[in-house]
Protein backbone atom coordinates (compact mmCIF):
# COMPACT_ATOMS: atom_id res chain seq x y z
CA ASP A 1 -36.79 -37.54 95.42
CA LYS A 2 -33.45 -35.76 95.08
CA SER A 3 -33.96 -34.07 91.73
CA LEU A 4 -36.96 -32.40 92.41
CA GLU A 5 -35.20 -31.33 96.03
CA LYS A 6 -32.03 -30.05 93.96
CA ILE A 7 -34.54 -28.07 91.57
CA GLU A 8 -36.59 -26.61 93.82
CA ASN A 9 -33.37 -25.47 95.63
CA HIS A 10 -32.07 -24.01 92.39
CA ILE A 11 -35.34 -22.04 92.18
CA LYS A 12 -34.98 -20.69 95.48
CA ASP A 13 -31.43 -19.86 94.99
CA ASN A 14 -32.69 -17.66 92.12
CA SER A 15 -35.63 -16.18 93.44
CA ASP A 16 -34.55 -12.90 91.89
CA LYS A 17 -35.22 -14.29 88.56
CA ARG A 18 -38.42 -15.26 86.42
CA ILE A 19 -37.83 -18.99 85.95
CA PHE A 20 -39.84 -21.06 83.64
CA ILE A 21 -40.03 -24.98 83.73
CA PHE A 22 -40.75 -26.89 81.01
CA SER A 23 -41.34 -30.02 82.41
CA TYR A 24 -44.29 -32.27 83.42
CA LEU A 25 -43.26 -31.63 87.09
CA ALA A 26 -43.50 -28.18 87.08
CA TYR A 27 -47.03 -27.93 88.70
CA THR A 28 -45.71 -30.35 91.64
CA ILE A 29 -42.10 -28.51 91.85
CA LYS A 30 -44.56 -24.93 91.94
CA LEU A 31 -47.17 -26.34 94.30
CA ASP A 32 -43.98 -27.77 96.47
CA LEU A 33 -42.77 -24.08 96.73
CA ASP A 34 -46.06 -22.15 96.98
CA GLU A 35 -45.47 -20.54 94.13
CA THR A 36 -48.31 -19.44 91.92
CA LEU A 37 -49.34 -21.59 88.60
CA ASP A 38 -49.66 -19.87 85.32
CA LYS A 39 -50.05 -20.81 81.73
CA TYR A 40 -46.63 -21.45 81.16
CA ASP A 41 -46.38 -24.53 83.53
CA LEU A 42 -48.35 -27.11 81.38
CA ILE A 43 -46.52 -26.74 77.86
CA ASN A 44 -48.18 -29.63 76.39
CA LYS A 45 -49.42 -28.93 72.72
CA GLY A 46 -52.80 -29.45 73.62
CA ASN A 47 -52.92 -27.16 76.27
CA MET A 48 -51.40 -24.55 73.97
CA GLY A 49 -53.52 -25.49 70.89
CA SER A 50 -52.32 -23.42 67.78
CA ASN A 51 -51.06 -20.75 70.15
CA GLU A 52 -47.36 -21.74 70.42
CA ASN A 53 -45.92 -18.82 68.75
CA LYS A 54 -48.28 -16.50 70.73
CA TYR A 55 -46.64 -18.33 73.83
CA ILE A 56 -43.22 -17.50 72.55
CA GLU A 57 -43.94 -14.03 71.87
CA GLU A 58 -45.00 -13.41 75.13
CA ILE A 59 -42.20 -15.12 76.74
CA ASP A 60 -39.98 -13.01 74.45
CA ASN A 61 -41.73 -9.87 75.66
CA ILE A 62 -41.47 -11.03 79.60
CA CYS A 63 -37.56 -11.98 79.09
CA LYS A 64 -36.62 -8.32 77.63
CA ASN A 65 -37.65 -7.12 80.88
CA GLU A 66 -36.67 -9.60 83.31
CA ASP A 67 -33.91 -11.97 84.01
CA CYS A 68 -35.25 -15.29 82.42
CA LEU A 69 -34.13 -18.87 83.46
CA PHE A 70 -35.40 -22.08 82.03
CA ILE A 71 -35.23 -25.34 83.40
CA MET A 72 -35.77 -28.15 80.99
CA ASP A 73 -35.42 -31.76 80.57
CA LEU A 74 -34.79 -32.33 76.85
CA ASN A 75 -35.76 -35.76 77.17
CA GLU A 76 -39.18 -34.94 77.57
CA PHE A 77 -39.36 -33.48 74.11
CA GLU A 78 -38.69 -37.16 72.49
CA PRO A 79 -39.46 -39.37 71.01
CA LYS A 80 -40.96 -38.25 68.15
CA GLY A 81 -44.74 -37.55 69.29
CA ALA A 82 -44.19 -36.32 72.65
CA GLN A 83 -46.57 -33.84 73.92
CA THR A 84 -44.18 -31.23 75.25
CA SER A 85 -44.05 -28.47 72.55
CA THR A 86 -40.72 -28.69 70.37
CA LEU A 87 -41.12 -25.05 69.18
CA LEU A 88 -40.59 -23.94 72.70
CA ARG A 89 -37.69 -25.88 73.18
CA ASP A 90 -36.05 -24.67 69.88
CA TYR A 91 -36.75 -21.15 70.87
CA VAL A 92 -34.61 -21.78 74.40
CA LEU A 93 -31.94 -23.49 72.62
CA GLU A 94 -31.51 -20.61 69.71
CA ASN A 95 -31.88 -17.71 72.11
CA TYR A 96 -30.35 -19.17 75.47
CA GLU A 97 -27.44 -21.02 76.62
CA LEU A 98 -26.89 -23.79 78.79
CA CYS A 99 -25.52 -21.95 82.05
CA ASP A 100 -26.08 -24.98 84.69
CA SER A 101 -26.68 -28.64 85.17
CA ILE A 102 -29.14 -29.34 87.97
CA THR A 103 -29.25 -33.03 87.77
CA SER A 104 -27.71 -35.31 84.97
CA VAL A 105 -30.97 -34.54 82.70
CA ASP A 106 -32.50 -31.26 84.25
CA LYS A 107 -30.61 -28.25 82.62
CA VAL A 108 -30.73 -24.51 83.09
CA TYR A 109 -30.75 -22.36 80.40
CA CYS A 110 -30.05 -18.28 80.75
CA LYS A 111 -29.82 -15.36 78.68
CA LYS A 112 -26.50 -15.50 76.05
CA GLN A 113 -23.40 -13.45 77.54
CA GLU A 114 -22.97 -10.49 74.84
CA GLN A 115 -19.36 -11.07 72.98
């Protein structure tokens, strides 16, 4: 799949950054790249239970010390009732800015530039 290839190439090109993939494809992408899976790779509401805010705090702490990128397909957060955590989406949209588009739907968010 060309879109998976584009995402994987983007990740390879940014290997010096901590990349979070908020997508149902996160496992597939990381396995293809021989990367270690972690709890941030499957952010379905059911997997996080009532710990969504804890995940956000952990990610926020990680990104204070590392240069982080977030890859998201915003379509995965809709329609209402979708299983992908909207709290995590909102955290990224409020604290990061769009810095690249990998495909027409897969977007990359990076730290907001100081003004």
